[in-house]
């Protein structure tokens, strides 16, 4: 059986998109929606658990916490053929509690990322945290590179993108990871998917 690795963002990230048919996914109870291309497939809870256990980081403690965590995304999609692709790009949407107030989004996002960057090998910002607005909702965004390892300690350089949408006492996070080599086209597609994210429930 071919072993596969999904490129995960740390959790405990044009016309090209719309040239293909899309579908609207609604998490009605949470007032959330996002449009996804039909070329991307939803990830089941079982697949998510199996895949995160194949990812290893420089910090053995953090790797252990990641593998033991029972927290799953609100929604997760992946792109790629599991039968032939060793690495599959994935987009996760989560809701996370935080002690950060995000009054200063770039500063607080940098603080949040600094807490996990120590577990990442060769962490480097490609785009430092900044504030953006998506469908009327203020969010923070950052793009950074780091390496992940497989069970044999073989390293792969990846680029991770993260968007955070602050709410009162928590935030929604969208995270995605992609192989660093020629990552730009994949990143552009990921951005277009994230740009369809809407929050209609303002409570």
C-alpha atoms as a PDB file:
ATOM      1  CA  UNK A   1       0.000   0.000   0.000  1.00  0.00           C
ATOM      2  CA  UNK A   2       1.405   3.379  -0.996  1.00  0.00           C
ATOM      3  CA  UNK A   3       2.107   5.600   1.990  1.00  0.00           C
ATOM      4  CA  UNK A   4       0.823   9.143   1.572  1.00  0.00           C
ATOM      5  CA  UNK A   5       1.519  12.348   3.431  1.00  0.00           C
ATOM      6  CA  UNK A   6      -0.758  15.340   3.480  1.00  0.00           C
ATOM      7  CA  UNK A   7       0.877  18.696   3.930  1.00  0.00           C
ATOM      8  CA  UNK A   8      -0.589  19.997   7.182  1.00  0.00           C
ATOM      9  CA  UNK A   9      -0.494  23.417   8.715  1.00  0.00           C
ATOM     10  CA  UNK A  10       0.369  23.311  12.444  1.00  0.00           C
ATOM     11  CA  UNK A  11      -2.857  23.090  14.476  1.00  0.00           C
ATOM     12  CA  UNK A  12      -2.984  22.638  18.645  1.00  0.00           C
ATOM     13  CA  UNK A  13      -3.185  27.771   6.621  1.00  0.00           C
ATOM     14  CA  UNK A  14      -8.429  34.177 -10.323  1.00  0.00           C
ATOM     15  CA  UNK A  15     -10.186  32.813 -12.968  1.00  0.00           C
ATOM     16  CA  UNK A  16      -8.387  29.518 -12.596  1.00  0.00           C
ATOM     17  CA  UNK A  17     -10.628  28.461  -9.701  1.00  0.00           C
ATOM     18  CA  UNK A  18     -13.892  29.428 -11.322  1.00  0.00           C
ATOM     19  CA  UNK A  19     -13.002  27.953 -14.693  1.00  0.00           C
ATOM     20  CA  UNK A  20     -14.065  24.643 -13.129  1.00  0.00           C
ATOM     21  CA  UNK A  21     -17.459  23.867 -11.551  1.00  0.00           C
ATOM     22  CA  UNK A  22     -17.711  24.644  -7.842  1.00  0.00           C
ATOM     23  CA  UNK A  23     -20.039  23.736  -5.023  1.00  0.00           C
ATOM     24  CA  UNK A  24     -21.083  25.755  -1.991  1.00  0.00           C
ATOM     25  CA  UNK A  25     -20.535  24.116   1.377  1.00  0.00           C
ATOM     26  CA  UNK A  26     -22.589  25.544   4.237  1.00  0.00           C
ATOM     27  CA  UNK A  27     -22.088  24.952   7.945  1.00  0.00           C
ATOM     28  CA  UNK A  28     -25.500  26.439   8.676  1.00  0.00           C
ATOM     29  CA  UNK A  29     -25.444  26.065  12.447  1.00  0.00           C
ATOM     30  CA  UNK A  30     -22.269  28.164  12.563  1.00  0.00           C
ATOM     31  CA  UNK A  31     -23.261  30.637   9.878  1.00  0.00           C
ATOM     32  CA  UNK A  32     -20.293  29.685   7.689  1.00  0.00           C
ATOM     33  CA  UNK A  33     -20.010  28.927   3.993  1.00  0.00           C
ATOM     34  CA  UNK A  34     -17.237  28.360   1.468  1.00  0.00           C
ATOM     35  CA  UNK A  35     -17.142  27.472  -2.223  1.00  0.00           C
ATOM     36  CA  UNK A  36     -14.936  24.578  -3.269  1.00  0.00           C
ATOM     37  CA  UNK A  37     -13.931  23.373  -6.742  1.00  0.00           C
ATOM     38  CA  UNK A  38     -15.235  19.963  -7.719  1.00  0.00           C
ATOM     39  CA  UNK A  39     -11.610  18.885  -8.181  1.00  0.00           C
ATOM     40  CA  UNK A  40     -11.160  19.066  -4.388  1.00  0.00           C
ATOM     41  CA  UNK A  41     -12.609  16.304  -2.197  1.00  0.00           C
ATOM     42  CA  UNK A  42     -13.859  16.390   1.377  1.00  0.00           C
ATOM     43  CA  UNK A  43     -11.687  14.669   3.980  1.00  0.00           C
ATOM     44  CA  UNK A  44     -13.358  12.229   6.342  1.00  0.00           C
ATOM     45  CA  UNK A  45     -12.583  12.230  10.067  1.00  0.00           C
ATOM     46  CA  UNK A  46     -10.910   8.833   9.730  1.00  0.00           C
ATOM     47  CA  UNK A  47      -8.674  10.054   6.895  1.00  0.00           C
ATOM     48  CA  UNK A  48      -7.733  13.150   8.868  1.00  0.00           C
ATOM     49  CA  UNK A  49      -6.729  11.139  11.940  1.00  0.00           C
ATOM     50  CA  UNK A  50      -4.682   8.695   9.876  1.00  0.00           C
ATOM     51  CA  UNK A  51      -2.896  11.430   7.935  1.00  0.00           C
ATOM     52  CA  UNK A  52      -1.927  13.655  10.860  1.00  0.00           C
ATOM     53  CA  UNK A  53      -0.286  10.654  12.520  1.00  0.00           C
ATOM     54  CA  UNK A  54       2.114  10.403   9.572  1.00  0.00           C
ATOM     55  CA  UNK A  55       3.409  13.943  10.078  1.00  0.00           C
ATOM     56  CA  UNK A  56       6.456  14.554  12.281  1.00  0.00           C
ATOM     57  CA  UNK A  57       8.068  17.759  13.517  1.00  0.00           C
ATOM     58  CA  UNK A  58      11.402  18.659  15.028  1.00  0.00           C
ATOM     59  CA  UNK A  59       9.823  18.757  18.483  1.00  0.00           C
ATOM     60  CA  UNK A  60       9.005  15.217  19.642  1.00  0.00           C
ATOM     61  CA  UNK A  61       6.728  16.696  22.310  1.00  0.00           C
ATOM     62  CA  UNK A  62       4.739  18.666  19.754  1.00  0.00           C
ATOM     63  CA  UNK A  63       4.536  15.646  17.447  1.00  0.00           C
ATOM     64  CA  UNK A  64       3.166  13.568  20.328  1.00  0.00           C
ATOM     65  CA  UNK A  65       0.559  16.235  21.132  1.00  0.00           C
ATOM     66  CA  UNK A  66      -0.470  16.448  17.480  1.00  0.00           C
ATOM     67  CA  UNK A  67      -0.910  12.691  17.212  1.00  0.00           C
ATOM     68  CA  UNK A  68      -2.845  12.456  20.476  1.00  0.00           C
ATOM     69  CA  UNK A  69      -5.139  15.393  19.759  1.00  0.00           C
ATOM     70  CA  UNK A  70      -8.749  14.391  19.170  1.00  0.00           C
ATOM     71  CA  UNK A  71      -9.661  17.829  17.815  1.00  0.00           C
ATOM     72  CA  UNK A  72     -10.822  17.644  14.198  1.00  0.00           C
ATOM     73  CA  UNK A  73     -11.487  20.407  11.683  1.00  0.00           C
ATOM     74  CA  UNK A  74     -14.964  21.812  11.185  1.00  0.00           C
ATOM     75  CA  UNK A  75     -14.355  21.172   7.513  1.00  0.00           C
ATOM     76  CA  UNK A  76     -11.447  19.815   5.509  1.00  0.00           C
ATOM     77  CA  UNK A  77     -10.797  19.330   1.792  1.00  0.00           C
ATOM     78  CA  UNK A  78      -7.873  17.940  -0.157  1.00  0.00           C
ATOM     79  CA  UNK A  79      -6.559  18.052  -3.702  1.00  0.00           C
ATOM     80  CA  UNK A  80      -4.618  15.302  -5.404  1.00  0.00           C
ATOM     81  CA  UNK A  81      -4.919  11.658  -6.349  1.00  0.00           C
ATOM     82  CA  UNK A  82      -4.318   9.447  -3.279  1.00  0.00           C
ATOM     83  CA  UNK A  83      -3.339   6.589  -5.567  1.00  0.00           C
ATOM     84  CA  UNK A  84      -0.415   8.374  -7.231  1.00  0.00           C
ATOM     85  CA  UNK A  85       0.450  11.523  -5.241  1.00  0.00           C
ATOM     86  CA  UNK A  86       2.782  11.245  -2.283  1.00  0.00           C
ATOM     87  CA  UNK A  87       1.769  14.651  -0.924  1.00  0.00           C
ATOM     88  CA  UNK A  88      -1.781  15.999  -1.017  1.00  0.00           C
ATOM     89  CA  UNK A  89      -2.629  19.655  -0.455  1.00  0.00           C
ATOM     90  CA  UNK A  90      -5.228  20.137   2.271  1.00  0.00           C
ATOM     91  CA  UNK A  91      -7.320  23.073   3.537  1.00  0.00           C
ATOM     92  CA  UNK A  92      -8.664  22.934   7.091  1.00  0.00           C
ATOM     93  CA  UNK A  93     -11.218  25.160   8.794  1.00  0.00           C
ATOM     94  CA  UNK A  94     -11.190  25.129  12.596  1.00  0.00           C
ATOM     95  CA  UNK A  95     -12.626  27.087  15.498  1.00  0.00           C
ATOM     96  CA  UNK A  96     -10.088  27.634  18.291  1.00  0.00           C
ATOM     97  CA  UNK A  97     -10.274  29.327  21.660  1.00  0.00           C
ATOM     98  CA  UNK A  98      -7.614  31.893  22.481  1.00  0.00           C
ATOM     99  CA  UNK A  99      -6.402  34.282  25.141  1.00  0.00           C
ATOM    100  CA  UNK A 100      -5.435  36.762  22.408  1.00  0.00           C
ATOM    101  CA  UNK A 101      -7.873  39.600  21.819  1.00  0.00           C
ATOM    102  CA  UNK A 102      -6.669  40.370  18.274  1.00  0.00           C
ATOM    103  CA  UNK A 103      -7.061  44.100  18.820  1.00  0.00           C
ATOM    104  CA  UNK A 104      -3.840  44.359  16.820  1.00  0.00           C
ATOM    105  CA  UNK A 105      -4.251  41.543  14.311  1.00  0.00           C
ATOM    106  CA  UNK A 106      -0.704  41.435  12.845  1.00  0.00           C
ATOM    107  CA  UNK A 107       0.935  41.556  16.289  1.00  0.00           C
ATOM    108  CA  UNK A 108      -1.395  38.994  17.878  1.00  0.00           C
ATOM    109  CA  UNK A 109      -1.117  36.630  14.913  1.00  0.00           C
ATOM    110  CA  UNK A 110       2.659  36.851  15.128  1.00  0.00           C
ATOM    111  CA  UNK A 111       2.381  36.074  18.859  1.00  0.00           C
ATOM    112  CA  UNK A 112       0.197  33.065  18.101  1.00  0.00           C
ATOM    113  CA  UNK A 113       2.596  31.756  15.472  1.00  0.00           C
ATOM    114  CA  UNK A 114       5.633  32.336  17.692  1.00  0.00           C
ATOM    115  CA  UNK A 115       4.149  29.853  20.171  1.00  0.00           C
ATOM    116  CA  UNK A 116       4.273  27.057  17.621  1.00  0.00           C
ATOM    117  CA  UNK A 117       7.231  28.120  15.465  1.00  0.00           C
ATOM    118  CA  UNK A 118       9.675  26.610  17.967  1.00  0.00           C
ATOM    119  CA  UNK A 119       8.332  23.179  17.013  1.00  0.00           C
ATOM    120  CA  UNK A 120       8.925  23.878  13.334  1.00  0.00           C
ATOM    121  CA  UNK A 121      12.262  23.262  11.702  1.00  0.00           C
ATOM    122  CA  UNK A 122      13.653  26.038   9.477  1.00  0.00           C
ATOM    123  CA  UNK A 123      10.666  28.327  10.088  1.00  0.00           C
ATOM    124  CA  UNK A 124      10.794  31.457   7.935  1.00  0.00           C
ATOM    125  CA  UNK A 125       8.196  34.081   7.016  1.00  0.00           C
ATOM    126  CA  UNK A 126       7.486  34.579   3.335  1.00  0.00           C
ATOM    127  CA  UNK A 127       4.761  37.114   4.179  1.00  0.00           C
ATOM    128  CA  UNK A 128       4.715  38.433   7.730  1.00  0.00           C
ATOM    129  CA  UNK A 129       1.369  38.612   9.561  1.00  0.00           C
ATOM    130  CA  UNK A 130      -0.910  41.332   8.254  1.00  0.00           C
ATOM    131  CA  UNK A 131      -4.584  42.316   8.335  1.00  0.00           C
ATOM    132  CA  UNK A 132      -6.836  41.528   5.365  1.00  0.00           C
ATOM    133  CA  UNK A 133     -10.560  41.727   4.738  1.00  0.00           C
ATOM    134  CA  UNK A 134     -12.505  38.839   3.196  1.00  0.00           C
ATOM    135  CA  UNK A 135     -16.199  39.250   2.397  1.00  0.00           C
ATOM    136  CA  UNK A 136     -16.509  42.037   4.956  1.00  0.00           C
ATOM    137  CA  UNK A 137     -14.802  40.101   7.746  1.00  0.00           C
ATOM    138  CA  UNK A 138     -11.483  41.300   9.154  1.00  0.00           C
ATOM    139  CA  UNK A 139      -8.845  38.574   9.245  1.00  0.00           C
ATOM    140  CA  UNK A 140      -5.151  38.027   9.798  1.00  0.00           C
ATOM    141  CA  UNK A 141      -2.955  36.360   7.198  1.00  0.00           C
ATOM    142  CA  UNK A 142       0.598  34.986   7.117  1.00  0.00           C
ATOM    143  CA  UNK A 143       2.642  32.776   4.797  1.00  0.00           C
ATOM    144  CA  UNK A 144       5.687  30.860   6.002  1.00  0.00           C
ATOM    145  CA  UNK A 145       7.962  27.976   5.128  1.00  0.00           C
ATOM    146  CA  UNK A 146       9.232  25.121   7.287  1.00  0.00           C
ATOM    147  CA  UNK A 147      10.077  21.433   6.989  1.00  0.00           C
ATOM    148  CA  UNK A 148       8.159  18.317   7.916  1.00  0.00           C
ATOM    149  CA  UNK A 149       9.548  14.819   8.379  1.00  0.00           C
ATOM    150  CA  UNK A 150       8.274  11.343   7.701  1.00  0.00           C
ATOM    151  CA  UNK A 151       8.786   8.398  10.029  1.00  0.00           C
ATOM    152  CA  UNK A 152      12.246   7.831   8.573  1.00  0.00           C
ATOM    153  CA  UNK A 153      13.187  11.451   9.392  1.00  0.00           C
ATOM    154  CA  UNK A 154      13.331  12.433   5.726  1.00  0.00           C
ATOM    155  CA  UNK A 155      12.681  16.162   5.442  1.00  0.00           C
ATOM    156  CA  UNK A 156      10.378  17.926   3.002  1.00  0.00           C
ATOM    157  CA  UNK A 157      10.208  21.696   2.637  1.00  0.00           C
ATOM    158  CA  UNK A 158       6.656  23.046   2.707  1.00  0.00           C
ATOM    159  CA  UNK A 159       4.903  26.401   2.628  1.00  0.00           C
ATOM    160  CA  UNK A 160       1.984  26.996   4.980  1.00  0.00           C
ATOM    161  CA  UNK A 161      -0.684  29.679   4.771  1.00  0.00           C
ATOM    162  CA  UNK A 162      -2.888  30.731   7.664  1.00  0.00           C
ATOM    163  CA  UNK A 163      -5.898  32.999   7.926  1.00  0.00           C
ATOM    164  CA  UNK A 164      -7.518  33.827  11.285  1.00  0.00           C
ATOM    165  CA  UNK A 165     -10.946  35.420  11.650  1.00  0.00           C
ATOM    166  CA  UNK A 166     -11.240  36.810  15.212  1.00  0.00           C
ATOM    167  CA  UNK A 167     -14.529  36.435  17.062  1.00  0.00           C
ATOM    168  CA  UNK A 168     -15.353  37.129  20.708  1.00  0.00           C
ATOM    169  CA  UNK A 169     -13.295  34.676  22.764  1.00  0.00           C
ATOM    170  CA  UNK A 170     -12.296  32.469  19.825  1.00  0.00           C
ATOM    171  CA  UNK A 171     -11.310  32.598  16.178  1.00  0.00           C
ATOM    172  CA  UNK A 172     -11.914  30.687  13.003  1.00  0.00           C
ATOM    173  CA  UNK A 173      -8.706  29.512  11.393  1.00  0.00           C
ATOM    174  CA  UNK A 174      -8.177  28.403   7.817  1.00  0.00           C
ATOM    175  CA  UNK A 175      -4.878  26.666   7.221  1.00  0.00           C
ATOM    176  CA  UNK A 176      -3.272  25.110   4.191  1.00  0.00           C
ATOM    177  CA  UNK A 177       0.099  23.609   3.336  1.00  0.00           C
ATOM    178  CA  UNK A 178       1.818  22.897   0.034  1.00  0.00           C
ATOM    179  CA  UNK A 179       5.153  21.582  -1.198  1.00  0.00           C
ATOM    180  CA  UNK A 180       7.585  24.496  -1.537  1.00  0.00           C
ATOM    181  CA  UNK A 181       8.775  23.661  -5.046  1.00  0.00           C
ATOM    182  CA  UNK A 182       6.593  25.620  -7.483  1.00  0.00           C
ATOM    183  CA  UNK A 183       4.025  26.303  -4.748  1.00  0.00           C
ATOM    184  CA  UNK A 184       2.747  29.572  -6.232  1.00  0.00           C
ATOM    185  CA  UNK A 185       0.000  28.142  -8.518  1.00  0.00           C
ATOM    186  CA  UNK A 186      -1.353  25.990  -5.699  1.00  0.00           C
ATOM    187  CA  UNK A 187      -1.245  28.944  -3.313  1.00  0.00           C
ATOM    188  CA  UNK A 188      -3.194  31.096  -5.789  1.00  0.00           C
ATOM    189  CA  UNK A 189      -5.907  28.433  -5.977  1.00  0.00           C
ATOM    190  CA  UNK A 190      -6.010  28.109  -2.188  1.00  0.00           C
ATOM    191  CA  UNK A 191      -6.365  31.905  -1.862  1.00  0.00           C
ATOM    192  CA  UNK A 192      -9.289  31.925  -4.254  1.00  0.00           C
ATOM    193  CA  UNK A 193     -11.067  29.243  -2.247  1.00  0.00           C
ATOM    194  CA  UNK A 194     -10.453  31.142   1.009  1.00  0.00           C
ATOM    195  CA  UNK A 195     -11.753  34.334  -0.615  1.00  0.00           C
ATOM    196  CA  UNK A 196     -15.192  32.679  -0.875  1.00  0.00           C
ATOM    197  CA  UNK A 197     -15.313  32.078   2.909  1.00  0.00           C
ATOM    198  CA  UNK A 198     -18.257  33.893   4.493  1.00  0.00           C
ATOM    199  CA  UNK A 199     -19.359  34.374   8.077  1.00  0.00           C
ATOM    200  CA  UNK A 200     -23.016  35.326   8.284  1.00  0.00           C
ATOM    201  CA  UNK A 201     -23.540  34.555  11.964  1.00  0.00           C
ATOM    202  CA  UNK A 202     -22.082  37.541  13.826  1.00  0.00           C
ATOM    203  CA  UNK A 203     -22.957  36.411  17.366  1.00  0.00           C
END
